[in-house]
Amino acid sequence: MMHGWGYTGAFRQPNRFEEQYHCFSAAYADRNHLEGGDKILLPPSAFDTLARLNVDYPMLFQLQSPDKGTMTHCGVLEFTAEEGSIYIPFWMMQNLLITEGSLITVTNVSLPKANFVKLQPQHVDFLNITNPRAVLEHALRNFSCVTKGDVICIPYNQKKYYFELKEVKPQDAACIIETDCNVDFDAPVGYKEPVRKIKSGDENLKDGISGEKKEEEKEEDSKPKGIQIVDGKIMRPDEIPVKEYDPSIIAEKVGQTGVQKNTNIPAVAPQVDYWALQGGTGGQRLDGKTPAVLRIPKEQLWM
């Protein structure tokens, strides 16, 4: 239904645009780029009506589902949709809890300029971006307005990131076009504060945990940390080989001949051109060659 009230004389007031359309996602119109903002496509008849009304610019609209009782706000990109239909981003349909072809009411609105927005990333992956704040502030330029409680979608680097609008000021719905708006973050969903590792003998033991490290902490500590240089190659932690030992050179007991497990000596012998002599074998060399006679000057011998 569309209503328009015209006033004569000096006291002229804005007119109201209100219409119901069947709603479809942007994919139906082959406009997947709409997912990166809050712009919708309206039919040409909507432009004809709005052009005759005294509406505020930029044009902002309230979308409401009569069946679900849900509501959000948006801007308009083009008036190229088929008559009786509109196309909106799929994430917006999710906020409205509607499906393809659902009937929604579109009403033009006037919103104040936003001065503060707080968002909560819906996954900790967003923190892996080099400069997440700059990415988000840049992406918000594709939005006309924000509504508290909405979960918006920000495509970046071939991946979609979702954010819940936790706070919007000065009111729950506000325009963010050409405005100086402060953007703040809430802790991402699933985020955990880093826990300080407790050393043995620490007087400030937390929650009564002993100084002994838990098995999972020991396992985590044993993993390589960060990029390292291994044998002259730059390698990431998952590429660093685990050092293994030859069990044949490890002594069975402490005190016996052999390499002890705690000495951390590689199993591979150094590449040298000589070998030590075997004890109790008549001076034979390990490589099978005839040993040379060891000659020591007399003056170096102990008398």
Protein backbone atom coordinates (compact mmCIF):
# COMPACT_ATOMS: atom_id res chain seq x y z
CA MET A 1 0.00 0.00 0.00
CA MET A 2 1.30 3.48 -0.79
CA HIS A 3 0.14 6.65 0.90
CA GLY A 4 0.93 10.23 0.03
CA TRP A 5 -0.30 13.31 1.82
CA GLY A 6 0.12 16.69 0.12
CA TYR A 7 -0.19 19.98 1.98
CA THR A 8 -0.90 23.43 0.56
CA GLY A 9 0.23 26.77 1.87
CA ALA A 10 3.36 27.61 3.85
CA PHE A 11 3.22 24.58 6.16
CA ARG A 12 4.27 21.80 3.80
CA GLN A 13 5.42 18.54 5.39
CA PRO A 14 7.27 15.49 3.97
CA ASN A 15 5.27 12.80 2.23
CA ARG A 16 5.47 9.15 3.11
CA PHE A 17 6.33 6.27 0.82
CA GLU A 18 5.13 2.82 1.86
CA GLU A 19 4.80 -0.21 -0.38
CA GLN A 20 4.84 -3.99 -0.15
CA TYR A 21 7.04 -6.11 -2.41
CA HIS A 22 8.08 -9.71 -2.84
CA CYS A 23 11.66 -9.95 -1.65
CA PHE A 24 14.48 -11.91 -3.32
CA SER A 25 18.20 -12.20 -2.60
CA ALA A 26 20.77 -10.36 -4.72
CA ALA A 27 21.82 -13.64 -6.35
CA TYR A 28 18.46 -13.75 -8.18
CA ALA A 29 19.43 -10.54 -9.96
CA ASP A 30 23.03 -11.70 -10.51
CA ARG A 31 24.22 -8.87 -8.25
CA ASN A 32 26.43 -10.72 -5.78
CA HIS A 33 28.42 -7.55 -5.11
CA LEU A 34 25.42 -6.26 -3.14
CA GLU A 35 26.48 -8.62 -0.32
CA GLY A 36 29.23 -6.16 0.62
CA GLY A 37 26.82 -3.42 1.69
CA ASP A 38 23.22 -2.57 2.54
CA LYS A 39 21.97 -1.26 -0.81
CA ILE A 40 18.83 -2.74 -2.38
CA LEU A 41 17.22 -2.69 -5.84
CA LEU A 42 13.72 -1.20 -6.13
CA PRO A 43 11.42 -1.22 -9.20
CA PRO A 44 11.16 1.86 -11.50
CA SER A 45 7.66 2.67 -10.23
CA ALA A 46 9.13 3.31 -6.77
CA PHE A 47 11.43 5.96 -8.24
CA ASP A 48 8.52 7.64 -10.02
CA THR A 49 6.60 7.87 -6.75
CA LEU A 50 9.59 9.03 -4.67
CA ALA A 51 10.45 11.71 -7.24
CA ARG A 52 7.03 13.31 -6.68
CA LEU A 53 7.35 13.24 -2.88
CA ASN A 54 9.29 15.56 -0.64
CA VAL A 55 11.63 12.89 0.77
CA ASP A 56 14.96 13.39 2.49
CA TYR A 57 18.25 12.54 0.80
CA PRO A 58 20.04 10.23 0.85
CA MET A 59 17.06 7.93 0.46
CA LEU A 60 16.87 5.53 3.39
CA PHE A 61 14.28 2.84 3.93
CA GLN A 62 12.91 0.64 6.66
CA LEU A 63 12.32 -3.00 5.70
CA GLN A 64 9.80 -4.86 7.82
CA SER A 65 8.44 -8.38 7.68
CA PRO A 66 4.71 -8.38 8.61
CA ASP A 67 4.83 -12.13 9.29
CA LYS A 68 8.03 -12.30 11.36
CA GLY A 69 7.80 -8.91 13.06
CA THR A 70 11.46 -8.20 12.18
CA MET A 71 12.88 -4.92 10.92
CA THR A 72 16.07 -3.39 9.50
CA HIS A 73 17.18 -0.34 7.49
CA CYS A 74 18.96 0.13 4.17
CA GLY A 75 19.79 2.41 1.26
CA VAL A 76 18.96 2.03 -2.43
CA LEU A 77 21.43 1.42 -5.26
CA GLU A 78 19.21 1.33 -8.34
CA PHE A 79 15.58 1.28 -9.45
CA THR A 80 16.00 -1.64 -11.85
CA ALA A 81 14.11 -4.47 -10.11
CA GLU A 82 11.10 -6.12 -11.68
CA GLU A 83 7.78 -4.55 -10.78
CA GLY A 84 6.37 -5.99 -7.59
CA SER A 85 9.79 -7.24 -6.45
CA ILE A 86 12.89 -5.99 -4.70
CA TYR A 87 16.38 -7.48 -4.36
CA ILE A 88 18.34 -7.23 -1.12
CA PRO A 89 21.57 -8.77 0.28
CA PHE A 90 21.12 -12.31 1.57
CA TRP A 91 22.56 -11.42 4.98
CA MET A 92 19.75 -8.87 5.30
CA MET A 93 17.19 -11.58 4.57
CA GLN A 94 18.75 -13.62 7.37
CA ASN A 95 18.27 -10.72 9.78
CA LEU A 96 14.63 -10.45 8.72
CA LEU A 97 14.18 -14.25 9.07
CA ILE A 98 12.54 -14.42 5.64
CA THR A 99 12.87 -16.68 2.61
CA GLU A 100 12.88 -16.05 -1.14
CA GLY A 101 9.64 -14.46 -2.29
CA SER A 102 8.50 -13.36 1.16
CA LEU A 103 6.36 -10.24 1.36
CA ILE A 104 7.96 -7.24 3.12
CA THR A 105 6.97 -3.62 3.67
CA VAL A 106 9.29 -0.85 2.44
CA THR A 107 8.95 2.60 4.02
CA ASN A 108 11.11 5.65 3.51
CA VAL A 109 12.63 7.03 6.73
CA SER A 110 14.84 9.86 7.94
CA LEU A 111 17.65 8.79 10.31
CA PRO A 112 20.13 10.85 12.38
CA LYS A 113 23.86 10.74 11.70
CA ALA A 114 25.65 8.00 13.63
CA ASN A 115 28.44 9.09 15.99
CA PHE A 116 29.30 5.73 17.57
CA VAL A 117 29.11 2.09 16.47
CA LYS A 118 30.29 -0.98 18.38
CA LEU A 119 30.61 -4.27 16.53
CA GLN A 120 31.34 -7.81 17.68
CA PRO A 121 33.11 -10.13 15.23
CA GLN A 122 31.32 -13.47 15.10
CA HIS A 123 34.59 -15.41 14.81
CA VAL A 124 38.16 -14.96 16.03
CA ASP A 125 39.44 -15.35 12.45
CA PHE A 126 38.90 -11.63 11.93
CA LEU A 127 41.82 -10.93 14.28
CA ASN A 128 44.17 -12.67 11.84
CA ILE A 129 43.80 -9.77 9.42
CA THR A 130 46.82 -7.47 9.50
CA ASN A 131 44.82 -4.32 10.19
CA PRO A 132 41.25 -5.37 11.05
CA ARG A 133 40.11 -1.88 12.11
CA ALA A 134 41.13 -0.32 8.79
CA VAL A 135 39.47 -3.14 6.85
CA LEU A 136 36.19 -2.70 8.70
CA GLU A 137 36.13 1.09 8.46
CA HIS A 138 36.78 0.84 4.72
CA ALA A 139 34.02 -1.76 4.27
CA LEU A 140 31.48 0.38 6.15
CA ARG A 141 31.74 2.95 3.36
CA ASN A 142 29.48 0.65 1.34
CA PHE A 143 26.74 0.99 3.96
CA SER A 144 24.12 3.70 4.19
CA CYS A 145 22.90 3.02 7.73
CA VAL A 146 23.24 0.62 10.64
CA THR A 147 20.65 -0.95 12.92
CA LYS A 148 21.33 -2.26 16.42
CA GLY A 149 21.02 -6.05 16.62
CA ASP A 150 21.71 -6.68 12.93
CA VAL A 151 24.48 -9.05 11.87
CA ILE A 152 26.19 -7.53 8.83
CA CYS A 153 28.49 -9.25 6.33
CA ILE A 154 31.91 -7.90 5.30
CA PRO A 155 33.54 -9.75 2.36
CA TYR A 156 37.34 -9.46 2.45
CA ASN A 157 40.10 -11.38 0.69
CA GLN A 158 37.69 -14.02 -0.69
CA LYS A 159 36.20 -14.66 2.73
CA LYS A 160 33.08 -13.40 4.51
CA TYR A 161 33.27 -11.95 8.01
CA TYR A 162 30.16 -11.32 10.11
CA PHE A 163 29.66 -8.67 12.79
CA GLU A 164 26.83 -8.04 15.20
CA LEU A 165 25.96 -4.40 15.78
CA LYS A 166 26.03 -4.25 19.59
CA GLU A 167 25.60 -0.48 19.94
CA VAL A 168 24.48 2.33 17.65
CA LYS A 169 24.30 5.97 18.76
CA PRO A 170 22.58 8.42 19.00
CA GLN A 171 19.72 5.93 18.44
CA ASP A 172 19.29 2.27 17.51
CA ALA A 173 19.20 3.05 13.76
CA ALA A 174 21.42 5.75 12.25
CA CYS A 175 22.87 6.94 8.96
CA ILE A 176 26.64 6.53 8.40
CA ILE A 177 26.96 8.46 5.12
CA GLU A 178 29.40 11.40 5.34
CA THR A 179 29.56 11.35 9.12
CA ASP A 180 32.37 11.30 11.67
CA CYS A 181 31.58 8.00 13.36
CA ASN A 182 33.73 6.27 15.98
CA VAL A 183 34.01 2.51 15.50
CA ASP A 184 34.74 0.20 18.42
CA PHE A 185 35.07 -3.57 18.80
CA ASP A 186 33.72 -6.06 21.29
CA ALA A 187 35.63 -9.29 21.97
CA PRO A 188 34.99 -11.79 19.14
CA VAL A 189 32.70 -14.74 19.77
CA GLY A 190 34.85 -17.61 21.07
CA TYR A 191 37.76 -15.36 22.03
CA LYS A 192 39.70 -16.32 25.16
CA GLU A 193 42.16 -14.14 27.02
CA PRO A 194 45.73 -15.49 26.87
CA VAL A 195 46.53 -17.42 30.07
CA ARG A 196 49.87 -16.77 31.74
CA LYS A 197 51.86 -19.98 32.04
CA ILE A 198 52.57 -20.79 35.68
CA LYS A 199 56.14 -21.67 36.56
CA SER A 200 57.08 -24.12 39.29
CA GLY A 201 57.36 -22.34 42.63
CA ASP A 202 55.30 -19.35 41.55
CA GLU A 203 53.78 -17.77 44.63
CA ASN A 204 50.86 -16.38 42.68
CA LEU A 205 49.42 -19.69 41.59
CA LYS A 206 46.09 -19.17 39.87
CA ASP A 207 43.00 -21.10 40.95
CA GLY A 208 45.09 -23.51 43.01
CA ILE A 209 46.80 -25.03 39.96
CA SER A 210 50.12 -26.65 40.83
CA GLY A 211 53.39 -25.52 39.32
CA GLU A 212 53.58 -28.70 37.26
CA LYS A 213 52.54 -28.07 33.69
CA LYS A 214 49.55 -29.93 32.39
CA GLU A 215 50.07 -32.52 29.68
CA GLU A 216 48.42 -30.31 27.04
CA GLU A 217 50.70 -27.43 28.00
CA LYS A 218 53.76 -29.67 27.72
CA GLU A 219 52.64 -30.82 24.31
CA GLU A 220 52.07 -27.23 23.22
CA ASP A 221 55.49 -26.17 24.53
CA SER A 222 57.16 -28.96 22.55
CA LYS A 223 55.83 -27.59 19.27
CA PRO A 224 58.11 -25.22 17.29
CA LYS A 225 57.17 -21.58 17.77
CA GLY A 226 57.30 -19.19 14.84
CA ILE A 227 59.31 -19.24 11.64
CA GLN A 228 62.79 -20.73 12.06
CA ILE A 229 65.91 -21.28 10.00
CA VAL A 230 66.62 -25.01 9.76
CA ASP A 231 69.70 -26.19 7.84
CA GLY A 232 69.86 -22.83 6.13
CA LYS A 233 66.18 -22.92 5.04
CA ILE A 234 63.41 -20.66 6.27
CA MET A 235 60.64 -22.93 7.52
CA ARG A 236 57.28 -22.47 9.18
CA PRO A 237 56.44 -24.41 12.36
CA ASP A 238 54.48 -27.11 10.50
CA GLU A 239 57.42 -27.66 8.13
CA ILE A 240 60.12 -28.11 10.78
CA PRO A 241 61.09 -31.81 10.99
CA VAL A 242 61.06 -33.58 14.34
CA LYS A 243 64.54 -34.67 15.39
CA GLU A 244 64.82 -38.45 15.67
CA TYR A 245 67.54 -40.62 17.21
CA ASP A 246 69.06 -43.97 16.27
CA PRO A 247 68.12 -46.33 19.13
CA SER A 248 71.23 -48.45 18.47
CA ILE A 249 73.55 -45.74 19.78
CA ILE A 250 71.59 -45.07 22.96
CA ALA A 251 72.88 -46.75 26.09
CA GLU A 252 70.53 -49.08 27.94
CA LYS A 253 71.61 -47.78 31.33
CA VAL A 254 73.19 -44.64 32.70
CA GLY A 255 76.96 -45.18 32.92
CA GLN A 256 77.24 -47.56 30.00
CA THR A 257 78.93 -46.64 26.76
CA GLY A 258 76.59 -44.85 24.42
CA VAL A 259 74.72 -41.61 23.97
CA GLN A 260 72.34 -40.78 26.79
CA LYS A 261 68.84 -39.66 25.88
CA ASN A 262 69.26 -36.29 27.51
CA THR A 263 72.37 -35.27 25.58
CA ASN A 264 70.44 -34.19 22.47
CA ILE A 265 73.19 -35.39 20.11
CA PRO A 266 72.07 -36.04 16.52
CA ALA A 267 72.09 -39.64 15.36
CA VAL A 268 73.93 -38.88 12.10
CA ALA A 269 77.73 -38.94 12.51
CA PRO A 270 79.79 -36.03 11.20
CA GLN A 271 81.34 -36.45 7.77
CA VAL A 272 85.03 -37.03 8.56
CA ASP A 273 87.78 -39.03 6.90
CA TYR A 274 88.85 -41.04 9.94
CA TRP A 275 87.28 -43.21 12.62
CA ALA A 276 88.17 -43.97 16.24
CA LEU A 277 89.84 -47.22 17.23
CA GLN A 278 87.78 -49.99 18.79
CA GLY A 279 88.80 -50.93 22.30
CA GLY A 280 89.92 -54.50 22.93
CA THR A 281 90.15 -55.41 19.24
CA GLY A 282 93.89 -55.15 18.73
CA GLY A 283 93.83 -51.58 17.51
CA GLN A 284 91.66 -52.18 14.46
CA ARG A 285 89.96 -49.18 12.91
CA LEU A 286 86.20 -49.11 12.54
CA ASP A 287 86.47 -48.51 8.80
CA GLY A 288 88.62 -51.64 8.32
CA LYS A 289 91.78 -49.81 7.24
CA THR A 290 95.19 -50.48 8.72
CA PRO A 291 95.93 -47.99 11.51
CA ALA A 292 99.04 -45.85 11.21
CA VAL A 293 101.71 -45.98 13.92
CA LEU A 294 101.31 -43.17 16.44
CA ARG A 295 104.65 -41.40 16.80
CA ILE A 296 105.23 -39.11 19.77
CA PRO A 297 108.53 -37.16 20.32
CA LYS A 298 110.48 -38.30 23.34
CA GLU A 299 110.46 -34.88 24.93
CA GLN A 300 106.65 -35.04 25.07
CA LEU A 301 106.56 -38.35 26.91
CA TRP A 302 106.11 -38.42 30.69
CA MET A 303 109.18 -39.63 32.46
